């Protein structure tokens, strides 16, 4: 269709005029928005206009420069000054309180604790071989013991701290039934973190009815470290990992180097849980087991008191007088030359001997 020339000129003029009107309108609208925004008031009910406000009104809090604190202390990290020497490890001598003791003999345990002097090392079971916790844990997979007076144990722990004892929490590391079985529903969980039967029909179970974690599994070491960190945050000076080993059986699947696997797991746990005022320790079967750090101890149990010298000669820790600890169930005087924790049942005998 042909549009006459005059009509086209007329349409062009209309288009130009319309463009000018749109441009001017846009500028006016933009200026109006910028101008009116100072009068917008935002509330929980929405935005409203308040033309009674002054453009100089201050909304919110006025920022002020920070006040200079003349008492700020400055620490220099230079050479030996960077090393914390106020929490050096020392030899320990004291007693341990097993779960059986505070479940059946709490009155006797409490009496013995009151007789001990400040500075004594006292170790208490906080997680058993079934994975049952003897305290109120906040961890989602924690299974609280149903045969234990948790409030009484908590009171005992607080008493140990208030008397100025060196407190040690003892936990089962890789032996843990309830990590794999929900105590409420009986449903299986975390099965990929355990040691499997050779037939792969399910998890291998020991004679005591417990499953075992695979030390090479990341979920396994993460679970153990979470327990350690919780106890550290509760104020314990040290955590001892029992069952830090592979079970003695050829009925489960593991094709790697067990010694190397345990050493790697120990290093992983030490890296995750270390602190200048905290000690992570390992109860092992092999006295030559290398510790992953300086703030670690090696514990040996079920030892022959007449063979202590030979055991000490085997250990490879840097400072055996401090980093090697024997767990003893008697007051045998041959342990007195070493770091030792005895059952609290012999505390009266040992303390009386010290007074003579």
Foldseek 3Di string as FASTA:
>chain_A
DDDDPVVVVVVVVVVVVVVVVVVVVVVVVVVVCVVQVLQWDQDPVGIDGDPPDDSPDDDDDDDDDDDDDPPDDDQDCDDPSVDDPPQAFDFAAAAEAEPVCCLPPVVVVVVLLVPDAAAHEYEYEQADLQQAGLEDDPDPLHHHDPSHPSVSVVVVVVVCVVRRYQYEYEYEQFWHASSQAPPVPRHGDPQVQWWAFPVNPGFDADPVGTTTGQLQDPVSLVVRLVVLQVVVVVPHQEYEHENLADDPDPGTDDDDDRLVSSLVSQLVSCVSRPDPRHAYEYEDDQQQREHNDSRYAYEYEPDDLVCVVVSLVNYDYPDQQRRYEYEEADLPCSCVSGRYYYHSVCSVVNVVVVVD
